[in-house]
Amino acid sequence: MNKNEFVEKLSAKTGLSKKGAREALDAVTGLISETLSKNEPVLLTGFGKFEPRARRESNRINPQTQARIRVPRKVVPAFKPGKALKDKIGRNLRVVEKSGRLEVGK
């Protein structure tokens, strides 16, 4: 689902206009981004926790040129799903194997 599809479903579910739903979504994502940029976590009980997380410096290889690249340490956003979200996904979806690969199926 992309942002426009999400806005349409949010609009239908809440009774907000599409413009109002887009503004609400932008406000929520903006607030999460702003809070994380202050090194503060965002806990949405039952849904999950967004937090800034430190990533170590690493060495990578460019697959096209085989050149070694040093990736500096940095802070990245992280998300840990809550129990209610994990339970809902676990009830509705299953792991299936297709052509030797694991995929998500119904």
PDB file of N, CA and C in Angstrom:
ATOM      1  N   MET A   1       0.853  -1.172   0.000  1.00  0.00           N
ATOM      2  CA  MET A   1       0.000   0.000   0.000  1.00  0.00           C
ATOM      3  C   MET A   1       0.896   1.231   0.000  1.00  0.00           C
ATOM      4  N   ASN A   2       0.643   2.129  -0.924  1.00  0.00           N
ATOM      5  CA  ASN A   2       1.427   3.363  -0.953  1.00  0.00           C
ATOM      6  C   ASN A   2       0.702   4.455  -0.153  1.00  0.00           C
ATOM      7  N   LYS A   3       1.305   5.629  -0.096  1.00  0.00           N
ATOM      8  CA  LYS A   3       0.760   6.711   0.728  1.00  0.00           C
ATOM      9  C   LYS A   3      -0.636   7.130   0.273  1.00  0.00           C
ATOM     10  N   ASN A   4      -0.855   7.247  -1.038  1.00  0.00           N
ATOM     11  CA  ASN A   4      -2.177   7.650  -1.527  1.00  0.00           C
ATOM     12  C   ASN A   4      -3.246   6.624  -1.169  1.00  0.00           C
ATOM     13  N   GLU A   5      -2.925   5.342  -1.311  1.00  0.00           N
ATOM     14  CA  GLU A   5      -3.880   4.292  -0.941  1.00  0.00           C
ATOM     15  C   GLU A   5      -4.161   4.332   0.557  1.00  0.00           C
ATOM     16  N   PHE A   6      -3.119   4.567   1.345  1.00  0.00           N
ATOM     17  CA  PHE A   6      -3.281   4.659   2.792  1.00  0.00           C
ATOM     18  C   PHE A   6      -4.202   5.822   3.151  1.00  0.00           C
ATOM     19  N   VAL A   7      -3.991   6.966   2.521  1.00  0.00           N
ATOM     20  CA  VAL A   7      -4.820   8.150   2.776  1.00  0.00           C
ATOM     21  C   VAL A   7      -6.275   7.860   2.428  1.00  0.00           C
ATOM     22  N   GLU A   8      -6.521   7.189   1.309  1.00  0.00           N
ATOM     23  CA  GLU A   8      -7.895   6.849   0.925  1.00  0.00           C
ATOM     24  C   GLU A   8      -8.557   5.957   1.968  1.00  0.00           C
ATOM     25  N   LYS A   9      -7.846   4.935   2.435  1.00  0.00           N
ATOM     26  CA  LYS A   9      -8.417   4.027   3.441  1.00  0.00           C
ATOM     27  C   LYS A   9      -8.613   4.743   4.777  1.00  0.00           C
ATOM     28  N   LEU A  10      -7.669   5.599   5.146  1.00  0.00           N
ATOM     29  CA  LEU A  10      -7.795   6.371   6.382  1.00  0.00           C
ATOM     30  C   LEU A  10      -8.999   7.298   6.305  1.00  0.00           C
ATOM     31  N   SER A  11      -9.196   7.914   5.159  1.00  0.00           N
ATOM     32  CA  SER A  11     -10.337   8.799   4.942  1.00  0.00           C
ATOM     33  C   SER A  11     -11.648   8.032   5.090  1.00  0.00           C
ATOM     34  N   ALA A  12     -11.726   6.861   4.468  1.00  0.00           N
ATOM     35  CA  ALA A  12     -12.948   6.054   4.533  1.00  0.00           C
ATOM     36  C   ALA A  12     -13.215   5.562   5.954  1.00  0.00           C
ATOM     37  N   LYS A  13     -12.170   5.194   6.671  1.00  0.00           N
ATOM     38  CA  LYS A  13     -12.328   4.631   8.016  1.00  0.00           C
ATOM     39  C   LYS A  13     -12.690   5.689   9.059  1.00  0.00           C
ATOM     40  N   THR A  14     -12.188   6.920   8.883  1.00  0.00           N
ATOM     41  CA  THR A  14     -12.390   7.956   9.898  1.00  0.00           C
ATOM     42  C   THR A  14     -13.469   8.968   9.548  1.00  0.00           C
ATOM     43  N   GLY A  15     -13.866   9.008   8.272  1.00  0.00           N
ATOM     44  CA  GLY A  15     -14.825  10.017   7.850  1.00  0.00           C
ATOM     45  C   GLY A  15     -14.179  11.360   7.543  1.00  0.00           C
ATOM     46  N   LEU A  16     -12.855  11.419   7.637  1.00  0.00           N
ATOM     47  CA  LEU A  16     -12.146  12.646   7.269  1.00  0.00           C
ATOM     48  C   LEU A  16     -12.131  12.783   5.754  1.00  0.00           C
ATOM     49  N   SER A  17     -12.018  14.008   5.291  1.00  0.00           N
ATOM     50  CA  SER A  17     -11.821  14.201   3.853  1.00  0.00           C
ATOM     51  C   SER A  17     -10.443  13.647   3.501  1.00  0.00           C
ATOM     52  N   LYS A  18     -10.199  13.431   2.213  1.00  0.00           N
ATOM     53  CA  LYS A  18      -8.874  12.954   1.809  1.00  0.00           C
ATOM     54  C   LYS A  18      -7.799  13.963   2.199  1.00  0.00           C
ATOM     55  N   LYS A  19      -8.133  15.245   2.069  1.00  0.00           N
ATOM     56  CA  LYS A  19      -7.175  16.283   2.455  1.00  0.00           C
ATOM     57  C   LYS A  19      -6.901  16.216   3.959  1.00  0.00           C
ATOM     58  N   GLY A  20      -7.963  16.050   4.748  1.00  0.00           N
ATOM     59  CA  GLY A  20      -7.807  15.953   6.197  1.00  0.00           C
ATOM     60  C   GLY A  20      -7.021  14.715   6.603  1.00  0.00           C
ATOM     61  N   ALA A  21      -7.280  13.601   5.919  1.00  0.00           N
ATOM     62  CA  ALA A  21      -6.560  12.362   6.213  1.00  0.00           C
ATOM     63  C   ALA A  21      -5.079  12.511   5.876  1.00  0.00           C
ATOM     64  N   ARG A  22      -4.779  13.157   4.747  1.00  0.00           N
ATOM     65  CA  ARG A  22      -3.376  13.375   4.357  1.00  0.00           C
ATOM     66  C   ARG A  22      -2.686  14.282   5.375  1.00  0.00           C
ATOM     67  N   GLU A  23      -3.379  15.334   5.819  1.00  0.00           N
ATOM     68  CA  GLU A  23      -2.800  16.240   6.817  1.00  0.00           C
ATOM     69  C   GLU A  23      -2.550  15.512   8.133  1.00  0.00           C
ATOM     70  N   ALA A  24      -3.491  14.640   8.532  1.00  0.00           N
ATOM     71  CA  ALA A  24      -3.322  13.869   9.768  1.00  0.00           C
ATOM     72  C   ALA A  24      -2.123  12.932   9.656  1.00  0.00           C
ATOM     73  N   LEU A  25      -2.019  12.233   8.533  1.00  0.00           N
ATOM     74  CA  LEU A  25      -0.892  11.322   8.325  1.00  0.00           C
ATOM     75  C   LEU A  25       0.427  12.090   8.315  1.00  0.00           C
ATOM     76  N   ASP A  26       0.464  13.212   7.615  1.00  0.00           N
ATOM     77  CA  ASP A  26       1.680  14.032   7.576  1.00  0.00           C
ATOM     78  C   ASP A  26       2.050  14.536   8.971  1.00  0.00           C
ATOM     79  N   ALA A  27       1.038  14.885   9.772  1.00  0.00           N
ATOM     80  CA  ALA A  27       1.299  15.356  11.135  1.00  0.00           C
ATOM     81  C   ALA A  27       1.889  14.233  11.989  1.00  0.00           C
ATOM     82  N   VAL A  28       1.342  13.023  11.866  1.00  0.00           N
ATOM     83  CA  VAL A  28       1.838  11.884  12.651  1.00  0.00           C
ATOM     84  C   VAL A  28       3.267  11.536  12.243  1.00  0.00           C
ATOM     85  N   THR A  29       3.514  11.393  10.947  1.00  0.00           N
ATOM     86  CA  THR A  29       4.867  11.028  10.505  1.00  0.00           C
ATOM     87  C   THR A  29       5.865  12.145  10.817  1.00  0.00           C
ATOM     88  N   GLY A  30       5.424  13.385  10.703  1.00  0.00           N
ATOM     89  CA  GLY A  30       6.292  14.510  11.048  1.00  0.00           C
ATOM     90  C   GLY A  30       6.637  14.524  12.527  1.00  0.00           C
ATOM     91  N   LEU A  31       5.650  14.242  13.368  1.00  0.00           N
ATOM     92  CA  LEU A  31       5.879  14.218  14.812  1.00  0.00           C
ATOM     93  C   LEU A  31       6.814  13.079  15.203  1.00  0.00           C
ATOM     94  N   ILE A  32       6.643  11.918  14.579  1.00  0.00           N
ATOM     95  CA  ILE A  32       7.546  10.794  14.849  1.00  0.00           C
ATOM     96  C   ILE A  32       8.967  11.165  14.441  1.00  0.00           C
ATOM     97  N   SER A  33       9.126  11.726  13.249  1.00  0.00           N
ATOM     98  CA  SER A  33      10.460  12.124  12.766  1.00  0.00           C
ATOM     99  C   SER A  33      11.098  13.163  13.680  1.00  0.00           C
ATOM    100  N   GLU A  34      10.311  14.156  14.069  1.00  0.00           N
ATOM    101  CA  GLU A  34      10.813  15.225  14.938  1.00  0.00           C
ATOM    102  C   GLU A  34      11.253  14.671  16.290  1.00  0.00           C
ATOM    103  N   THR A  35      10.454  13.768  16.854  1.00  0.00           N
ATOM    104  CA  THR A  35      10.774  13.186  18.155  1.00  0.00           C
ATOM    105  C   THR A  35      12.039  12.335  18.077  1.00  0.00           C
ATOM    106  N   LEU A  36      12.155  11.507  17.030  1.00  0.00           N
ATOM    107  CA  LEU A  36      13.347  10.674  16.863  1.00  0.00           C
ATOM    108  C   LEU A  36      14.593  11.524  16.675  1.00  0.00           C
ATOM    109  N   SER A  37      14.455  12.656  15.980  1.00  0.00           N
ATOM    110  CA  SER A  37      15.621  13.518  15.750  1.00  0.00           C
ATOM    111  C   SER A  37      16.113  14.161  17.043  1.00  0.00           C
ATOM    112  N   LYS A  38      15.295  14.122  18.099  1.00  0.00           N
ATOM    113  CA  LYS A  38      15.700  14.620  19.419  1.00  0.00           C
ATOM    114  C   LYS A  38      16.217  13.481  20.299  1.00  0.00           C
ATOM    115  N   ASN A  39      16.451  12.313  19.686  1.00  0.00           N
ATOM    116  CA  ASN A  39      16.935  11.120  20.386  1.00  0.00           C
ATOM    117  C   ASN A  39      15.938  10.633  21.433  1.00  0.00           C
ATOM    118  N   GLU A  40      14.657  10.754  21.123  1.00  0.00           N
ATOM    119  CA  GLU A  40      13.600  10.275  22.011  1.00  0.00           C
ATOM    120  C   GLU A  40      12.803   9.193  21.284  1.00  0.00           C
ATOM    121  N   PRO A  41      12.438   8.114  21.993  1.00  0.00           N
ATOM    122  CA  PRO A  41      11.629   7.070  21.360  1.00  0.00           C
ATOM    123  C   PRO A  41      10.162   7.474  21.286  1.00  0.00           C
ATOM    124  N   VAL A  42       9.424   6.808  20.407  1.00  0.00           N
ATOM    125  CA  VAL A  42       7.977   6.994  20.301  1.00  0.00           C
ATOM    126  C   VAL A  42       7.345   5.628  20.527  1.00  0.00           C
ATOM    127  N   LEU A  43       6.609   5.477  21.622  1.00  0.00           N
ATOM    128  CA  LEU A  43       5.969   4.214  21.962  1.00  0.00           C
ATOM    129  C   LEU A  43       4.472   4.328  21.720  1.00  0.00           C
ATOM    130  N   LEU A  44       3.967   3.534  20.797  1.00  0.00           N
ATOM    131  CA  LEU A  44       2.533   3.462  20.523  1.00  0.00           C
ATOM    132  C   LEU A  44       2.075   2.103  21.038  1.00  0.00           C
ATOM    133  N   THR A  45       1.554   2.076  22.256  1.00  0.00           N
ATOM    134  CA  THR A  45       1.206   0.835  22.929  1.00  0.00           C
ATOM    135  C   THR A  45       0.330  -0.044  22.048  1.00  0.00           C
ATOM    136  N   GLY A  46       0.718  -1.302  21.926  1.00  0.00           N
ATOM    137  CA  GLY A  46      -0.014  -2.260  21.111  1.00  0.00           C
ATOM    138  C   GLY A  46       0.417  -2.261  19.655  1.00  0.00           C
ATOM    139  N   PHE A  47       1.053  -1.187  19.206  1.00  0.00           N
ATOM    140  CA  PHE A  47       1.506  -1.109  17.816  1.00  0.00           C
ATOM    141  C   PHE A  47       3.010  -1.342  17.731  1.00  0.00           C
ATOM    142  N   GLY A  48       3.777  -0.530  18.462  1.00  0.00           N
ATOM    143  CA  GLY A  48       5.220  -0.720  18.443  1.00  0.00           C
ATOM    144  C   GLY A  48       5.975   0.494  18.926  1.00  0.00           C
ATOM    145  N   LYS A  49       7.285   0.397  18.807  1.00  0.00           N
ATOM    146  CA  LYS A  49       8.169   1.443  19.304  1.00  0.00           C
ATOM    147  C   LYS A  49       9.127   1.869  18.196  1.00  0.00           C
ATOM    148  N   PHE A  50       9.151   3.168  17.928  1.00  0.00           N
ATOM    149  CA  PHE A  50      10.118   3.768  17.016  1.00  0.00           C
ATOM    150  C   PHE A  50      11.232   4.339  17.881  1.00  0.00           C
ATOM    151  N   GLU A  51      12.477   4.135  17.466  1.00  0.00           N
ATOM    152  CA  GLU A  51      13.578   4.703  18.230  1.00  0.00           C
ATOM    153  C   GLU A  51      14.785   4.924  17.337  1.00  0.00           C
ATOM    154  N   PRO A  52      15.617   5.920  17.694  1.00  0.00           N
ATOM    155  CA  PRO A  52      16.870   6.089  16.965  1.00  0.00           C
ATOM    156  C   PRO A  52      17.845   5.006  17.434  1.00  0.00           C
ATOM    157  N   ARG A  53      18.576   4.426  16.505  1.00  0.00           N
ATOM    158  CA  ARG A  53      19.509   3.359  16.860  1.00  0.00           C
ATOM    159  C   ARG A  53      20.852   3.614  16.180  1.00  0.00           C
ATOM    160  N   ALA A  54      21.928   3.391  16.923  1.00  0.00           N
ATOM    161  CA  ALA A  54      23.278   3.581  16.389  1.00  0.00           C
ATOM    162  C   ALA A  54      23.664   2.376  15.537  1.00  0.00           C
ATOM    163  N   ARG A  55      24.276   2.646  14.404  1.00  0.00           N
ATOM    164  CA  ARG A  55      24.788   1.579  13.538  1.00  0.00           C
ATOM    165  C   ARG A  55      26.304   1.735  13.458  1.00  0.00           C
ATOM    166  N   ARG A  56      27.010   0.645  13.661  1.00  0.00           N
ATOM    167  CA  ARG A  56      28.476   0.660  13.614  1.00  0.00           C
ATOM    168  C   ARG A  56      29.005   0.946  12.213  1.00  0.00           C
ATOM    169  N   GLU A  57      30.237   1.416  12.179  1.00  0.00           N
ATOM    170  CA  GLU A  57      30.943   1.563  10.910  1.00  0.00           C
ATOM    171  C   GLU A  57      31.106   0.164  10.309  1.00  0.00           C
ATOM    172  N   SER A  58      31.036   0.075   8.989  1.00  0.00           N
ATOM    173  CA  SER A  58      31.206  -1.236   8.353  1.00  0.00           C
ATOM    174  C   SER A  58      31.913  -1.088   7.016  1.00  0.00           C
ATOM    175  N   ASN A  59      32.463  -2.182   6.567  1.00  0.00           N
ATOM    176  CA  ASN A  59      33.095  -2.232   5.252  1.00  0.00           C
ATOM    177  C   ASN A  59      32.190  -3.031   4.332  1.00  0.00           C
ATOM    178  N   ARG A  60      31.916  -2.497   3.167  1.00  0.00           N
ATOM    179  CA  ARG A  60      31.033  -3.145   2.190  1.00  0.00           C
ATOM    180  C   ARG A  60      31.768  -3.270   0.870  1.00  0.00           C
ATOM    181  N   ILE A  61      31.177  -4.038  -0.029  1.00  0.00           N
ATOM    182  CA  ILE A  61      31.733  -4.193  -1.370  1.00  0.00           C
ATOM    183  C   ILE A  61      30.685  -3.763  -2.374  1.00  0.00           C
ATOM    184  N   ASN A  62      31.078  -2.858  -3.275  1.00  0.00           N
ATOM    185  CA  ASN A  62      30.195  -2.438  -4.350  1.00  0.00           C
ATOM    186  C   ASN A  62      30.063  -3.621  -5.309  1.00  0.00           C
ATOM    187  N   PRO A  63      28.841  -4.158  -5.501  1.00  0.00           N
ATOM    188  CA  PRO A  63      28.688  -5.351  -6.337  1.00  0.00           C
ATOM    189  C   PRO A  63      29.026  -5.122  -7.809  1.00  0.00           C
ATOM    190  N   GLN A  64      28.945  -3.889  -8.275  1.00  0.00           N
ATOM    191  CA  GLN A  64      29.245  -3.616  -9.685  1.00  0.00           C
ATOM    192  C   GLN A  64      30.741  -3.488  -9.945  1.00  0.00           C
ATOM    193  N   THR A  65      31.445  -2.825  -9.025  1.00  0.00           N
ATOM    194  CA  THR A  65      32.873  -2.567  -9.256  1.00  0.00           C
ATOM    195  C   THR A  65      33.782  -3.425  -8.384  1.00  0.00           C
ATOM    196  N   GLN A  66      33.221  -4.113  -7.406  1.00  0.00           N
ATOM    197  CA  GLN A  66      33.981  -4.910  -6.431  1.00  0.00           C
ATOM    198  C   GLN A  66      34.890  -4.047  -5.552  1.00  0.00           C
ATOM    199  N   ALA A  67      34.706  -2.734  -5.594  1.00  0.00           N
ATOM    200  CA  ALA A  67      35.510  -1.827  -4.769  1.00  0.00           C
ATOM    201  C   ALA A  67      35.036  -1.900  -3.322  1.00  0.00           C
ATOM    202  N   ARG A  68      35.998  -1.847  -2.404  1.00  0.00           N
ATOM    203  CA  ARG A  68      35.661  -1.822  -0.977  1.00  0.00           C
ATOM    204  C   ARG A  68      35.233  -0.403  -0.598  1.00  0.00           C
ATOM    205  N   ILE A  69      34.179  -0.329   0.183  1.00  0.00           N
ATOM    206  CA  ILE A  69      33.641   0.965   0.601  1.00  0.00           C
ATOM    207  C   ILE A  69      33.530   0.959   2.123  1.00  0.00           C
ATOM    208  N   ARG A  70      33.979   2.028   2.751  1.00  0.00           N
ATOM    209  CA  ARG A  70      33.815   2.170   4.196  1.00  0.00           C
ATOM    210  C   ARG A  70      32.550   2.976   4.439  1.00  0.00           C
ATOM    211  N   VAL A  71      31.618   2.377   5.153  1.00  0.00           N
ATOM    212  CA  VAL A  71      30.376   3.065   5.498  1.00  0.00           C
ATOM    213  C   VAL A  71      30.528   3.561   6.933  1.00  0.00           C
ATOM    214  N   PRO A  72      30.482   4.873   7.161  1.00  0.00           N
ATOM    215  CA  PRO A  72      30.707   5.406   8.512  1.00  0.00           C
ATOM    216  C   PRO A  72      29.562   5.057   9.463  1.00  0.00           C
ATOM    217  N   ARG A  73      29.866   5.134  10.751  1.00  0.00           N
ATOM    218  CA  ARG A  73      28.815   4.890  11.739  1.00  0.00           C
ATOM    219  C   ARG A  73      27.773   5.988  11.615  1.00  0.00           C
ATOM    220  N   LYS A  74      26.548   5.635  11.952  1.00  0.00           N
ATOM    221  CA  LYS A  74      25.471   6.612  11.826  1.00  0.00           C
ATOM    222  C   LYS A  74      24.299   6.207  12.701  1.00  0.00           C
ATOM    223  N   VAL A  75      23.353   7.108  12.819  1.00  0.00           N
ATOM    224  CA  VAL A  75      22.121   6.850  13.560  1.00  0.00           C
ATOM    225  C   VAL A  75      21.015   6.614  12.541  1.00  0.00           C
ATOM    226  N   VAL A  76      20.251   5.534  12.747  1.00  0.00           N
ATOM    227  CA  VAL A  76      19.165   5.189  11.834  1.00  0.00           C
ATOM    228  C   VAL A  76      17.874   5.010  12.630  1.00  0.00           C
ATOM    229  N   PRO A  77      16.720   5.238  12.005  1.00  0.00           N
ATOM    230  CA  PRO A  77      15.460   4.973  12.696  1.00  0.00           C
ATOM    231  C   PRO A  77      15.222   3.462  12.749  1.00  0.00           C
ATOM    232  N   ALA A  78      14.666   2.995  13.861  1.00  0.00           N
ATOM    233  CA  ALA A  78      14.363   1.573  14.019  1.00  0.00           C
ATOM    234  C   ALA A  78      12.925   1.431  14.517  1.00  0.00           C
ATOM    235  N   PHE A  79      12.322   0.295  14.209  1.00  0.00           N
ATOM    236  CA  PHE A  79      10.958   0.015  14.654  1.00  0.00           C
ATOM    237  C   PHE A  79      10.912  -1.386  15.233  1.00  0.00           C
ATOM    238  N   LYS A  80      10.332  -1.510  16.419  1.00  0.00           N
ATOM    239  CA  LYS A  80      10.124  -2.813  17.044  1.00  0.00           C
ATOM    240  C   LYS A  80       8.619  -2.988  17.207  1.00  0.00           C
ATOM    241  N   PRO A  81       8.030  -3.974  16.521  1.00  0.00           N
ATOM    242  CA  PRO A  81       6.581  -4.149  16.610  1.00  0.00           C
ATOM    243  C   PRO A  81       6.147  -4.589  18.003  1.00  0.00           C
ATOM    244  N   GLY A  82       4.956  -4.132  18.398  1.00  0.00           N
ATOM    245  CA  GLY A  82       4.383  -4.519  19.676  1.00  0.00           C
ATOM    246  C   GLY A  82       3.715  -5.882  19.594  1.00  0.00           C
ATOM    247  N   LYS A  83       3.383  -6.441  20.746  1.00  0.00           N
ATOM    248  CA  LYS A  83       2.791  -7.776  20.811  1.00  0.00           C
ATOM    249  C   LYS A  83       1.485  -7.860  20.035  1.00  0.00           C
ATOM    250  N   ALA A  84       0.618  -6.876  20.173  1.00  0.00           N
ATOM    251  CA  ALA A  84      -0.678  -6.919  19.482  1.00  0.00           C
ATOM    252  C   ALA A  84      -0.492  -6.945  17.964  1.00  0.00           C
ATOM    253  N   LEU A  85       0.441  -6.162  17.450  1.00  0.00           N
ATOM    254  CA  LEU A  85       0.707  -6.148  16.010  1.00  0.00           C
ATOM    255  C   LEU A  85       1.275  -7.488  15.557  1.00  0.00           C
ATOM    256  N   LYS A  86       2.238  -8.029  16.307  1.00  0.00           N
ATOM    257  CA  LYS A  86       2.819  -9.322  15.945  1.00  0.00           C
ATOM    258  C   LYS A  86       1.767 -10.427  15.982  1.00  0.00           C
ATOM    259  N   ASP A  87       0.903 -10.398  16.996  1.00  0.00           N
ATOM    260  CA  ASP A  87      -0.149 -11.418  17.103  1.00  0.00           C
ATOM    261  C   ASP A  87      -1.121 -11.337  15.933  1.00  0.00           C
ATOM    262  N   LYS A  88      -1.524 -10.129  15.555  1.00  0.00           N
ATOM    263  CA  LYS A  88      -2.472  -9.973  14.445  1.00  0.00           C
ATOM    264  C   LYS A  88      -1.872 -10.464  13.134  1.00  0.00           C
ATOM    265  N   ILE A  89      -0.639 -10.114  12.878  1.00  0.00           N
ATOM    266  CA  ILE A  89       0.023 -10.569  11.653  1.00  0.00           C
ATOM    267  C   ILE A  89       0.172 -12.087  11.681  1.00  0.00           C
ATOM    268  N   GLY A  90       0.543 -12.630  12.826  1.00  0.00           N
ATOM    269  CA  GLY A  90       0.717 -14.074  12.964  1.00  0.00           C
ATOM    270  C   GLY A  90      -0.569 -14.856  12.765  1.00  0.00           C
ATOM    271  N   ARG A  91      -1.704 -14.276  13.139  1.00  0.00           N
ATOM    272  CA  ARG A  91      -3.005 -14.947  12.948  1.00  0.00           C
ATOM    273  C   ARG A  91      -3.431 -14.928  11.489  1.00  0.00           C
ATOM    274  N   ASN A  92      -3.092 -13.870  10.765  1.00  0.00           N
ATOM    275  CA  ASN A  92      -3.598 -13.686   9.407  1.00  0.00           C
ATOM    276  C   ASN A  92      -2.657 -14.155   8.305  1.00  0.00           C
ATOM    277  N   LEU A  93      -1.373 -14.288   8.592  1.00  0.00           N
ATOM    278  CA  LEU A  93      -0.403 -14.626   7.549  1.00  0.00           C
ATOM    279  C   LEU A  93       0.422 -15.839   7.958  1.00  0.00           C
ATOM    280  N   ARG A  94       0.920 -16.555   6.974  1.00  0.00           N
ATOM    281  CA  ARG A  94       1.743 -17.735   7.204  1.00  0.00           C
ATOM    282  C   ARG A  94       3.011 -17.653   6.355  1.00  0.00           C
ATOM    283  N   VAL A  95       4.022 -18.398   6.769  1.00  0.00           N
ATOM    284  CA  VAL A  95       5.240 -18.521   5.978  1.00  0.00           C
ATOM    285  C   VAL A  95       5.041 -19.694   5.031  1.00  0.00           C
ATOM    286  N   VAL A  96       5.272 -19.467   3.744  1.00  0.00           N
ATOM    287  CA  VAL A  96       5.162 -20.528   2.740  1.00  0.00           C
ATOM    288  C   VAL A  96       6.473 -20.607   1.969  1.00  0.00           C
ATOM    289  N   GLU A  97       6.730 -21.778   1.401  1.00  0.00           N
ATOM    290  CA  GLU A  97       7.945 -21.952   0.615  1.00  0.00           C
ATOM    291  C   GLU A  97       7.567 -22.068  -0.849  1.00  0.00           C
ATOM    292  N   LYS A  98       8.170 -21.202  -1.659  1.00  0.00           N
ATOM    293  CA  LYS A  98       7.942 -21.216  -3.103  1.00  0.00           C
ATOM    294  C   LYS A  98       9.292 -21.262  -3.793  1.00  0.00           C
ATOM    295  N   SER A  99       9.499 -22.248  -4.601  1.00  0.00           N
ATOM    296  CA  SER A  99      10.750 -22.396  -5.360  1.00  0.00           C
ATOM    297  C   SER A  99      11.973 -22.322  -4.452  1.00  0.00           C
ATOM    298  N   GLY A 100      11.873 -22.937  -3.276  1.00  0.00           N
ATOM    299  CA  GLY A 100      13.002 -22.961  -2.356  1.00  0.00           C
ATOM    300  C   GLY A 100      13.214 -21.694  -1.560  1.00  0.00           C
ATOM    301  N   ARG A 101      12.306 -20.723  -1.698  1.00  0.00           N
ATOM    302  CA  ARG A 101      12.420 -19.453  -0.964  1.00  0.00           C
ATOM    303  C   ARG A 101      11.253 -19.314  -0.008  1.00  0.00           C
ATOM    304  N   LEU A 102      11.508 -18.715   1.142  1.00  0.00           N
ATOM    305  CA  LEU A 102      10.436 -18.452   2.094  1.00  0.00           C
ATOM    306  C   LEU A 102       9.758 -17.145   1.734  1.00  0.00           C
ATOM    307  N   GLU A 103       8.433 -17.157   1.759  1.00  0.00           N
ATOM    308  CA  GLU A 103       7.645 -15.965   1.461  1.00  0.00           C
ATOM    309  C   GLU A 103       6.486 -15.890   2.436  1.00  0.00           C
ATOM    310  N   VAL A 104       5.830 -14.748   2.461  1.00  0.00           N
ATOM    311  CA  VAL A 104       4.640 -14.561   3.281  1.00  0.00           C
ATOM    312  C   VAL A 104       3.431 -14.852   2.419  1.00  0.00           C
ATOM    313  N   GLY A 105       2.536 -15.690   2.923  1.00  0.00           N
ATOM    314  CA  GLY A 105       1.315 -16.019   2.201  1.00  0.00           C
ATOM    315  C   GLY A 105       0.150 -16.071   3.158  1.00  0.00           C
ATOM    316  N   LYS A 106      -1.032 -16.342   2.632  1.00  0.00           N
ATOM    317  CA  LYS A 106      -2.233 -16.425   3.477  1.00  0.00           C
ATOM    318  C   LYS A 106      -2.522 -17.849   3.848  1.00  0.00           C
TER     319      LYS A 106
END
